[in-house]
Structures are given as structure tokens and as C-alpha cells.
Protein backbone atom coordinates (compact mmCIF):
# COMPACT_ATOMS: atom_id res chain seq x y z
CA MET A 1 -11.52 205.80 -46.78
CA PHE A 2 -10.94 208.40 -44.09
CA ASP A 3 -13.87 210.74 -43.54
CA ARG A 4 -12.42 214.17 -44.37
CA GLN A 5 -14.88 215.81 -41.96
CA THR A 6 -13.05 214.35 -38.97
CA LEU A 7 -9.95 216.40 -39.84
CA ALA A 8 -11.65 219.09 -37.76
CA ASP A 9 -10.52 217.05 -34.74
CA PHE A 10 -6.87 217.63 -35.69
CA PRO A 11 -6.54 221.39 -36.27
CA LEU A 12 -3.36 222.75 -37.81
CA GLU A 13 -2.33 224.55 -34.64
CA ILE A 14 -2.25 221.23 -32.77
CA ILE A 15 -0.48 219.39 -35.59
CA GLY A 16 2.11 222.15 -35.67
CA GLN A 17 3.02 221.57 -32.01
CA VAL A 18 3.88 217.85 -32.12
CA ARG A 19 7.31 216.37 -32.60
CA THR A 20 7.51 214.23 -35.72
CA PRO A 21 7.18 211.44 -36.45
CA CYS A 22 4.27 210.79 -34.14
CA TYR A 23 0.82 209.37 -33.69
CA LEU A 24 -1.83 211.87 -32.63
CA VAL A 25 -5.03 210.40 -31.16
CA SER A 26 -8.22 212.43 -30.77
CA GLU A 27 -10.11 211.93 -27.53
CA ASP A 28 -13.11 213.61 -29.15
CA VAL A 29 -13.34 210.92 -31.84
CA LEU A 30 -12.95 208.16 -29.25
CA HIS A 31 -15.85 209.65 -27.29
CA ARG A 32 -18.06 209.70 -30.40
CA ASN A 33 -17.16 206.16 -31.42
CA CYS A 34 -17.68 204.80 -27.92
CA LYS A 35 -21.02 206.56 -27.52
CA LEU A 36 -22.25 204.89 -30.69
CA LEU A 37 -21.00 201.50 -29.49
CA ASP A 38 -22.67 202.06 -26.14
CA SER A 39 -25.96 202.88 -27.86
CA ILE A 40 -25.80 199.43 -29.47
CA GLN A 41 -25.19 197.84 -26.09
CA LYS A 42 -28.25 199.61 -24.70
CA ARG A 43 -30.45 198.69 -27.66
CA THR A 44 -29.50 195.02 -27.78
CA GLY A 45 -28.16 194.03 -24.37
CA ALA A 46 -24.93 192.89 -26.02
CA LYS A 47 -21.57 193.58 -24.39
CA ILE A 48 -18.82 195.18 -26.48
CA LEU A 49 -15.11 194.66 -25.79
CA LEU A 50 -12.07 196.55 -27.07
CA ALA A 51 -9.73 194.32 -29.10
CA LEU A 52 -6.29 195.17 -27.73
CA LYS A 53 -4.59 193.68 -30.80
CA ALA A 54 -5.86 196.70 -32.75
CA PHE A 55 -5.42 199.46 -30.19
CA ALA A 56 -3.72 199.39 -26.80
CA LEU A 57 -3.13 202.83 -25.32
CA PRO A 58 -3.59 202.91 -21.53
CA ALA A 59 -3.64 206.71 -21.55
CA VAL A 60 -7.16 206.63 -23.00
CA PHE A 61 -8.45 203.48 -21.25
CA PRO A 62 -10.28 205.57 -18.62
CA LEU A 63 -12.27 207.16 -21.45
CA ILE A 64 -13.08 203.88 -23.20
CA ARG A 65 -13.98 201.90 -20.07
CA ASN A 66 -16.72 204.41 -19.32
CA TYR A 67 -18.56 202.84 -22.25
CA LEU A 68 -17.24 199.34 -23.03
CA HIS A 69 -17.42 196.25 -20.84
CA GLY A 70 -13.82 195.15 -21.15
CA VAL A 71 -11.13 193.95 -23.53
CA CYS A 72 -10.24 190.90 -25.54
CA ALA A 73 -6.63 189.75 -25.36
CA SER A 74 -4.46 187.50 -27.50
CA GLY A 75 -2.35 185.99 -24.73
CA PRO A 76 -0.94 186.62 -21.24
CA ILE A 77 0.74 189.95 -22.01
CA GLU A 78 -2.41 191.62 -23.34
CA ALA A 79 -4.49 189.93 -20.65
CA ARG A 80 -2.32 191.47 -17.94
CA LEU A 81 -2.55 194.87 -19.62
CA GLY A 82 -6.32 194.54 -19.70
CA ARG A 83 -6.59 193.51 -16.08
CA GLU A 84 -4.16 196.08 -14.67
CA GLU A 85 -4.85 199.06 -16.94
CA PHE A 86 -8.41 198.68 -18.22
CA GLY A 87 -9.87 197.07 -15.13
CA ARG A 88 -13.03 195.46 -16.51
CA GLU A 89 -13.73 192.08 -18.16
CA VAL A 90 -10.80 190.34 -19.85
CA HIS A 91 -11.45 187.69 -22.51
CA THR A 92 -8.36 185.85 -23.75
CA TYR A 93 -8.00 183.72 -26.88
CA ALA A 94 -4.93 182.21 -28.55
CA PRO A 95 -4.55 179.30 -30.98
CA ALA A 96 -2.54 177.49 -28.27
CA TYR A 97 -1.07 178.14 -24.81
CA THR A 98 1.96 176.70 -23.06
CA SER A 99 1.58 175.71 -19.42
CA ALA A 100 3.58 178.76 -18.33
CA GLN A 101 1.39 181.04 -20.43
CA MET A 102 -1.78 179.46 -19.10
CA GLU A 103 -0.74 180.14 -15.53
CA ARG A 104 -0.65 183.86 -16.31
CA VAL A 105 -3.74 183.79 -18.53
CA ILE A 106 -5.73 182.28 -15.67
CA ARG A 107 -4.49 185.00 -13.31
CA TYR A 108 -5.65 187.86 -15.51
CA SER A 109 -8.70 186.56 -17.42
CA ASP A 110 -12.43 186.30 -16.84
CA HIS A 111 -13.05 184.27 -20.01
CA ILE A 112 -10.52 181.89 -21.56
CA LEU A 113 -11.17 180.66 -25.09
CA PHE A 114 -9.57 177.52 -26.47
CA ASN A 115 -8.94 176.68 -30.11
CA THR A 116 -9.09 172.89 -29.82
CA ILE A 117 -10.56 170.25 -27.54
CA SER A 118 -7.05 168.99 -26.77
CA GLN A 119 -5.96 172.44 -25.55
CA TRP A 120 -8.97 172.63 -23.27
CA GLN A 121 -8.31 169.15 -21.92
CA THR A 122 -4.64 170.02 -21.39
CA HIS A 123 -5.34 173.12 -19.31
CA ARG A 124 -8.71 172.58 -17.60
CA ASP A 125 -7.14 171.02 -14.50
CA ALA A 126 -4.90 174.06 -14.09
CA ILE A 127 -7.96 176.30 -14.22
CA HIS A 128 -9.71 174.12 -11.65
CA ARG A 129 -6.68 174.03 -9.32
CA ALA A 130 -6.36 177.80 -9.48
CA GLY A 131 -9.86 178.15 -8.10
CA ALA A 132 -10.31 181.12 -10.39
CA ASP A 133 -13.72 182.41 -11.35
CA VAL A 134 -13.05 181.85 -15.04
CA GLU A 135 -15.53 180.99 -17.76
CA VAL A 136 -14.27 178.72 -20.53
CA GLY A 137 -15.27 178.89 -24.18
CA LEU A 138 -14.33 177.31 -27.50
CA ARG A 139 -13.54 179.06 -30.75
CA VAL A 140 -15.51 177.53 -33.60
CA ASN A 141 -15.26 177.99 -37.34
CA PRO A 142 -18.54 179.17 -38.88
CA GLY A 143 -17.45 177.82 -42.26
CA HIS A 144 -18.21 181.05 -44.08
CA ALA A 145 -16.35 184.32 -44.51
CA GLU A 146 -16.33 187.08 -47.11
CA VAL A 147 -12.87 188.47 -46.41
CA GLU A 148 -11.28 189.45 -49.71
CA ILE A 149 -7.62 189.15 -48.65
CA ASP A 150 -6.59 185.59 -47.81
CA LEU A 151 -4.05 186.77 -45.24
CA TYR A 152 -6.97 187.91 -43.05
CA ASN A 153 -9.48 185.14 -43.81
CA PRO A 154 -9.82 182.74 -40.85
CA CYS A 155 -12.21 180.39 -42.65
CA LEU A 156 -10.08 179.30 -45.60
CA PRO A 157 -9.36 175.56 -46.02
CA GLY A 158 -6.39 174.74 -43.84
CA SER A 159 -7.15 177.52 -41.37
CA ARG A 160 -5.75 176.97 -37.87
CA PHE A 161 -8.63 178.88 -36.28
CA GLY A 162 -11.53 177.14 -34.64
CA LEU A 163 -13.39 173.88 -34.37
CA GLY A 164 -15.89 172.40 -36.79
CA PRO A 165 -19.10 170.72 -35.59
CA GLU A 166 -17.53 167.32 -36.27
CA ASP A 167 -14.87 168.12 -33.65
CA LEU A 168 -17.56 168.47 -30.98
CA GLU A 169 -19.31 165.16 -31.63
CA ASP A 170 -19.34 162.83 -28.63
CA VAL A 171 -17.35 165.35 -26.57
CA ASP A 172 -18.43 166.00 -22.98
CA LEU A 173 -18.78 169.78 -22.96
CA ALA A 174 -19.35 170.07 -19.21
CA GLY A 175 -17.38 173.11 -18.14
CA ILE A 176 -17.74 174.89 -21.48
CA SER A 177 -19.92 177.97 -21.10
CA GLY A 178 -19.67 179.67 -24.49
CA LEU A 179 -18.79 179.60 -28.17
CA HIS A 180 -16.76 182.20 -30.05
CA PHE A 181 -16.49 182.80 -33.78
CA HIS A 182 -14.61 185.46 -35.71
CA ALA A 183 -14.98 185.73 -39.48
CA LEU A 184 -15.27 189.44 -40.34
CA CYS A 185 -12.67 192.01 -41.38
CA GLU A 186 -13.69 195.67 -41.74
CA GLN A 187 -17.18 194.61 -42.85
CA ASN A 188 -20.77 195.72 -42.61
CA ALA A 189 -23.71 194.14 -40.80
CA ASP A 190 -25.00 192.34 -43.90
CA VAL A 191 -21.89 190.13 -43.82
CA LEU A 192 -22.53 189.33 -40.17
CA VAL A 193 -26.06 188.24 -41.10
CA ARG A 194 -24.70 185.67 -43.55
CA VAL A 195 -21.90 184.47 -41.28
CA LEU A 196 -24.32 184.12 -38.38
CA GLU A 197 -26.66 182.01 -40.50
CA HIS A 198 -23.84 179.58 -41.25
CA PHE A 199 -22.78 179.54 -37.60
CA GLU A 200 -26.31 178.70 -36.45
CA ASN A 201 -26.72 176.00 -39.07
CA ARG A 202 -23.39 174.35 -38.25
CA PHE A 203 -23.65 174.54 -34.47
CA ALA A 204 -27.41 174.29 -33.92
CA ASN A 205 -26.95 171.34 -31.56
CA TYR A 206 -24.70 173.29 -29.22
CA ILE A 207 -25.80 176.94 -29.09
CA ASP A 208 -28.65 176.42 -26.62
CA GLN A 209 -26.32 174.51 -24.29
CA MET A 210 -24.22 177.65 -23.89
CA GLN A 211 -24.40 180.58 -21.48
CA TRP A 212 -23.03 183.14 -23.97
CA ILE A 213 -21.96 183.55 -27.59
CA ASN A 214 -19.13 185.79 -28.80
CA PHE A 215 -19.50 187.23 -32.33
CA GLY A 216 -15.80 188.18 -32.49
CA GLY A 217 -14.46 191.28 -34.21
CA GLY A 218 -14.22 192.86 -37.64
CA HIS A 219 -17.48 194.81 -37.23
CA HIS A 220 -16.83 198.24 -38.82
CA ILE A 221 -19.59 199.78 -36.74
CA THR A 222 -18.41 203.39 -36.62
CA ARG A 223 -17.91 203.66 -40.38
CA ALA A 224 -20.22 206.26 -41.93
CA ASP A 225 -22.12 203.75 -44.10
CA TYR A 226 -22.42 201.00 -41.47
CA ASP A 227 -25.96 199.67 -40.99
CA VAL A 228 -26.33 200.03 -37.23
CA ASP A 229 -30.03 199.21 -37.31
CA LEU A 230 -29.39 195.92 -39.10
CA LEU A 231 -26.73 195.02 -36.55
CA CYS A 232 -29.09 195.71 -33.66
CA GLU A 233 -31.92 193.79 -35.32
CA THR A 234 -29.59 190.85 -35.96
CA ILE A 235 -28.32 190.68 -32.39
CA THR A 236 -31.80 191.09 -30.90
CA ALA A 237 -33.33 188.42 -33.14
CA PHE A 238 -30.49 185.99 -32.39
CA ARG A 239 -30.91 186.46 -28.66
CA LYS A 240 -34.68 185.91 -28.92
CA ARG A 241 -34.14 182.69 -30.88
CA HIS A 242 -31.84 181.41 -28.17
CA ASN A 243 -33.49 182.15 -24.83
CA ASN A 244 -32.11 185.69 -24.56
CA ILE A 245 -28.55 184.38 -24.49
CA PRO A 246 -25.86 187.00 -23.72
CA VAL A 247 -23.82 188.13 -26.73
CA TYR A 248 -20.37 189.70 -26.94
CA LEU A 249 -18.73 191.64 -29.78
CA GLU A 250 -15.01 192.41 -30.02
CA PRO A 251 -14.40 195.32 -32.40
CA GLY A 252 -10.96 196.88 -32.48
CA GLU A 253 -10.95 199.27 -35.41
CA ALA A 254 -14.48 200.51 -34.70
CA VAL A 255 -13.39 201.91 -31.35
CA VAL A 256 -10.71 204.14 -32.88
CA LEU A 257 -11.81 204.48 -36.52
CA ASN A 258 -10.80 207.93 -37.81
CA GLY A 259 -9.47 208.60 -34.32
CA GLY A 260 -5.80 209.08 -35.04
CA VAL A 261 -3.38 210.54 -37.55
CA PHE A 262 0.30 209.96 -38.22
CA VAL A 263 2.34 213.13 -38.62
CA ALA A 264 5.65 212.96 -40.51
CA SER A 265 8.03 215.54 -41.92
CA VAL A 266 9.83 215.69 -45.25
CA ILE A 267 13.60 215.41 -44.71
CA ASP A 268 14.76 215.58 -48.32
CA THR A 269 13.62 215.34 -51.93
CA MET A 270 15.37 213.75 -54.90
CA TYR A 271 14.74 212.70 -58.49
CA ASN A 272 15.22 209.21 -59.94
CA GLY A 273 12.88 208.92 -62.90
CA MET A 274 10.28 210.62 -60.72
CA ASP A 275 10.20 212.98 -57.76
CA ILE A 276 10.80 211.28 -54.42
CA ALA A 277 10.34 212.65 -50.91
CA ILE A 278 12.12 211.02 -47.97
CA LEU A 279 10.18 211.26 -44.72
CA ASP A 280 11.44 211.13 -41.14
CA SER A 281 9.46 207.92 -40.69
CA SER A 282 9.32 204.38 -42.04
CA VAL A 283 6.49 202.27 -43.40
CA GLU A 284 8.32 199.08 -42.42
CA THR A 285 8.70 200.15 -38.79
CA HIS A 286 5.99 202.72 -38.06
CA MET A 287 3.01 201.58 -40.17
CA PRO A 288 3.71 197.99 -41.24
CA ASP A 289 0.07 197.29 -42.11
CA VAL A 290 0.50 199.57 -45.14
CA LEU A 291 2.77 196.84 -46.51
CA ALA A 292 1.04 193.82 -44.99
CA MET A 293 -2.61 194.62 -45.72
CA PRO A 294 -1.65 196.23 -48.15
CA TYR A 295 -3.35 199.63 -48.41
CA ARG A 296 -2.70 203.22 -49.39
CA PRO A 297 -3.26 205.68 -46.52
CA HIS A 298 -4.77 209.06 -47.30
CA VAL A 299 -2.40 212.02 -47.01
CA VAL A 300 -4.18 215.29 -46.24
CA GLY A 301 -4.05 217.74 -49.16
CA SER A 302 -2.88 215.14 -51.66
CA GLY A 303 -4.41 213.37 -54.64
CA GLU A 304 -3.80 210.36 -56.80
CA PRO A 305 -0.73 210.57 -59.04
CA GLY A 306 -1.40 213.23 -61.68
CA ASP A 307 -4.38 214.80 -59.92
CA PHE A 308 -2.18 217.75 -59.00
CA LEU A 309 0.85 219.21 -60.72
CA HIS A 310 3.54 217.64 -58.52
CA THR A 311 3.62 213.86 -58.04
CA TYR A 312 5.96 212.32 -55.46
CA ARG A 313 6.80 208.86 -54.23
CA LEU A 314 6.83 209.05 -50.42
CA GLY A 315 9.61 206.92 -48.99
CA GLY A 316 10.87 206.00 -45.54
CA VAL A 317 14.26 206.06 -43.83
CA SER A 318 14.95 202.34 -43.48
CA CYS A 319 17.20 200.29 -45.78
CA LEU A 320 14.26 198.26 -47.12
CA ALA A 321 13.86 199.00 -50.83
CA GLY A 322 10.10 198.69 -50.51
CA ASP A 323 9.84 201.13 -47.60
CA ILE A 324 7.37 203.24 -49.59
CA VAL A 325 4.08 204.79 -48.50
CA GLY A 326 2.92 205.23 -52.10
CA ASP A 327 2.71 207.77 -54.91
CA TYR A 328 0.82 211.01 -54.25
CA SER A 329 0.36 214.34 -56.02
CA PHE A 330 0.37 217.79 -54.41
CA PRO A 331 -0.56 221.29 -55.59
CA ALA A 332 2.91 222.63 -54.77
CA PRO A 333 6.40 221.11 -54.52
CA LEU A 334 7.24 219.42 -51.24
CA GLU A 335 9.94 221.10 -49.17
CA PRO A 336 12.22 219.79 -46.39
CA GLY A 337 10.57 220.40 -43.04
CA GLN A 338 7.06 220.28 -44.47
CA ARG A 339 4.63 218.19 -42.41
CA LEU A 340 2.42 215.51 -43.94
CA VAL A 341 -0.59 214.06 -42.15
CA LEU A 342 -1.61 210.45 -42.82
CA THR A 343 -5.14 209.73 -41.70
CA ASP A 344 -6.83 206.92 -39.76
CA MET A 345 -3.55 205.68 -38.29
CA ALA A 346 -4.51 204.87 -34.68
CA LEU A 347 -5.56 201.31 -35.42
CA TYR A 348 -3.01 198.54 -35.97
CA SER A 349 -0.22 201.12 -35.84
CA PHE A 350 1.86 201.52 -32.69
CA VAL A 351 0.73 198.06 -31.55
CA LYS A 352 2.78 196.74 -34.51
CA ASN A 353 5.77 199.08 -34.26
CA ASN A 354 9.28 197.71 -34.47
CA THR A 355 12.82 199.09 -34.35
CA PHE A 356 14.26 197.50 -37.49
CA ASN A 357 17.40 199.38 -38.56
CA GLY A 358 17.35 201.17 -35.22
CA VAL A 359 14.71 203.50 -36.58
CA GLU A 360 13.35 205.47 -33.64
CA LEU A 361 9.80 204.79 -32.58
CA PRO A 362 7.32 207.64 -33.13
CA SER A 363 6.10 209.68 -30.19
CA ILE A 364 2.49 209.29 -29.11
CA TYR A 365 0.23 212.26 -28.36
CA THR A 366 -3.44 212.70 -27.54
CA CYS A 367 -5.48 215.82 -28.20
CA SER A 368 -8.89 217.35 -27.58
CA LEU A 369 -10.61 220.38 -29.04
CA THR A 370 -11.20 221.60 -25.50
CA GLU A 371 -7.45 222.01 -25.00
CA SER A 372 -5.07 224.21 -26.96
CA THR A 373 -2.08 221.89 -26.87
CA PRO A 374 -1.58 218.17 -27.49
CA LYS A 375 -0.61 215.93 -24.57
CA LEU A 376 2.61 213.91 -24.91
CA VAL A 377 1.94 210.34 -23.84
CA ARG A 378 5.37 208.93 -24.59
CA HIS A 379 8.59 209.81 -26.38
CA PHE A 380 10.95 206.98 -27.29
CA GLY A 381 14.72 206.90 -27.50
CA TYR A 382 17.81 204.70 -27.47
CA GLU A 383 16.93 202.83 -24.26
CA ASP A 384 13.66 201.64 -25.80
CA TYR A 385 15.62 200.19 -28.72
CA ARG A 386 18.28 198.70 -26.45
CA SER A 387 15.74 197.03 -24.17
CA ARG A 388 14.20 195.13 -27.10
CA ILE A 389 17.43 193.40 -28.16
CA ALA A 390 19.66 190.88 -26.36
């Protein structure tokens, strides 16, 4: 749930100046989140990376790279973005790479993580021929996760993510410098403790052969109730057990948690068994995780259906029947032109945008309490739609 206190970072005078629909990202929140993450780095010696799959906005990379050691990428496109725009360490993992993709991944990456022994064997000669200073790691499956939604659980039977200890038996691991696991999703440090115990039990024969271990992402570190002390104790104890081995973490959401809002305007209202408000935005195209996760974003000034006198179903402008944010109640009737603010919408938002139906992409703004006006990062139009189709 969005911390209502952080709404102070998005004052009404700033929200009133943006063109809707848009994402509005607070530099002040990013500073606070990154300072907390950096304090963990200093306490534990761990290195924290920004997961580009959750948030990739070069306009604020200079801010984030003052604190974090680099980025983790999901293939050659994100790896190039990390190298050219972020400018620090780039760690790249994908379930599989083609030869053409690997050529680019090698060019832009410091660490390359493979999902299978066969993928490593397929591409290791290319890495050697390139003469690149690249460290190679393997993704392993810790065999334990507590992710409630199967869509996001990488440890279910039949998962395509990571090797089991049986896959490493009798394999010459010369050239492998690290192991990577990822089994958390928006979870607290107590879950990491249990996942880490399974990881150590399953891969006890290999950990001390490595030069680093990557704990992956899903650590909800900047959430108000997150147990930072337990996280630091867990990392420190793990490193002591294993010869002070370097450790990486790859949070995405934690870097930008509560750091952005989505501002939309009511275009029209109608009645069909209930009151309906049509927004100038689309769930399907502008915030697809609301449908995929699924979850119900908080709308500032609203309540659950029936909490206030006027309950509306908030709908989008695409042709998809299910293009619905959800049902919300308000103290007063909604009017065309009225602005609604959806909270905690920086993460997994514009990185997942699409132009289905030709729906225009939202603008992107940043803001700071030290400045009286928001800064327009990008406005999108027809050419952006045209360039994405054949």
C-alpha cells in the first residue's frame, strides 16, 4: 500500500501543471530510497544494482548512480542502456541468448549470467575470443520461494529459471566466477533468510568455489515495515561464513518505491447499472501490471466502494472490455476534466507501455520540491506509434 505521507512529494500545484495522462517521478523520493540502499551497502559491503526491468529512466540515472554500483539487464538492449546511460557495472541475465544477442551482450556487460550449462558451453568461446573482461556466472534455483502468485514464482515445478545442484555434478566449472539466485517478489528480509538457507543447503559444495554470489531481486527494502537490520545481519553473516565473499543484490521496486504517480483526467461519465468514469488513459496500455499482477492501485482521495457517497468504476479508452482500473468511491461526483492521481506508479509502468489501439503513450515528468515546476522528460506522439509498427 502506498504510504500516504509521501504525497507531500507531489504537491497539487505541481500535479496541476502536467499534461495528462503522464507519469510524474519524484527526485526527492529517489534520493531517500537510494540513501537507504547505500546505507546497506556501507553496513554490509554488498553491492546493490538497479533492475532495469522495473525502472529505466535515463533522466534520473545520474542521481541513482551516485549511490548504486550499476544495473542488471535482461538482454542486449537493456545492457546497452546500462553501459551507455548509467555508466557503471552491467550484469546481464536471460534464460537463453542467440549468437547475435551474445555478441552485443559481451560488448556491454561486466557480468554475464547463464541459465544452463549448455548455454554457457555454447557461448564461452565467443566470450574468450572477444577478449572482454567479463565475469561469468550461473543462475541456480534455490528450490524454495514464498511468492503467492504463480505467475511470479520462479521456483515452481517446471520453472525455466536456474540450475539445480544435480545439473552441476561432474561439470568442470573453470571459468565460472559466481552464482545467482532470484526467488523473492516484493518481500521482507525474513523470506530472504529462508530462501538463503535452502540455497546454502542445496549448493554447499559450490559456494566456496565462487568469487561472488548474487541474491537477485524482489527485496522490498524501502517499504516502511521492511526489516533493514535483519537484511544487514543476514548478508554480513553469510559473507563471514564464506570467506567474506562479495554479494550483490538487484532490487528494482525498492529503488523507486513510492517514487512516482500516474496522473489521469476524467473525460466523461456514464451510467450502466453503476456510475462509470472514462479516463484519458488505459490500463491495458499505460499500466498493464494492474491487469497482470493483478492489483488495485490507490487513487488519492478515494475509498473502497461504498466508503464515500459516490462509487465509480474507472475505465480506460481502449476497446478492451476489461480495461478497468477498478471500483472506487469519492466524496463528490466526478466531473469531466477532473484529475485523478494513482500512486506508486513509477515501477513496472512505462517500461511495460504499449500502443495497442493507437492509444497515445503518457508523457513522463520529474519533479522536486526545490523547484516550482515539473520537468518534462518526454512527450510522445504519432511518430512514436508509427516507429513501433512495420
